[in-house]
């Protein structure tokens, strides 16, 4: 059985890595959308001296989660390998033969972890500069005492409710 066949066969037992990959993909999509939104609105924010704390927080929080997930993939892979190796039974006459074939199956989780880490690390290479620049620009705007328009909108809604 070749490498690809073993990897595809192991997909069911390595479900947790695929779940983490799905979460990373969702974070990546949210980061791209929020980053695009911040880019489109930044000039307005700067000229009117306000910003959206909600959009800024979403961008920074989801980007942080995305970066953390990238570093977790190899660890999840190693964890799967350890779990698989701990389940090996070395009792009995055929134990060595079974352990030998199971050992390679145990390594598939490490391989999946490395594969997804590489994929998302490459994806991050395409967005990291833009996201970091936008976070830095909005931070500078906040440090310049820009007003949070989310609060401004809440106050306006409250005033309309009273009237």
Foldseek 3Di string as FASTA:
>chain_A
DDDVVLLVVLCVVLVVLVVLLVLLVVLLVQLVVLLVVLVVCVVVCLVQLEDAPVSLCSNVVSVVVNVVSLVCLLVSLVVQLVVQLVPQDCDDDCSVVVSVVSNVSSNSSNVSSVVSSVVSVVVCVVCVVSSVVSNVSVVVSVVVVGHHVVVVVVVVVVVVVVD
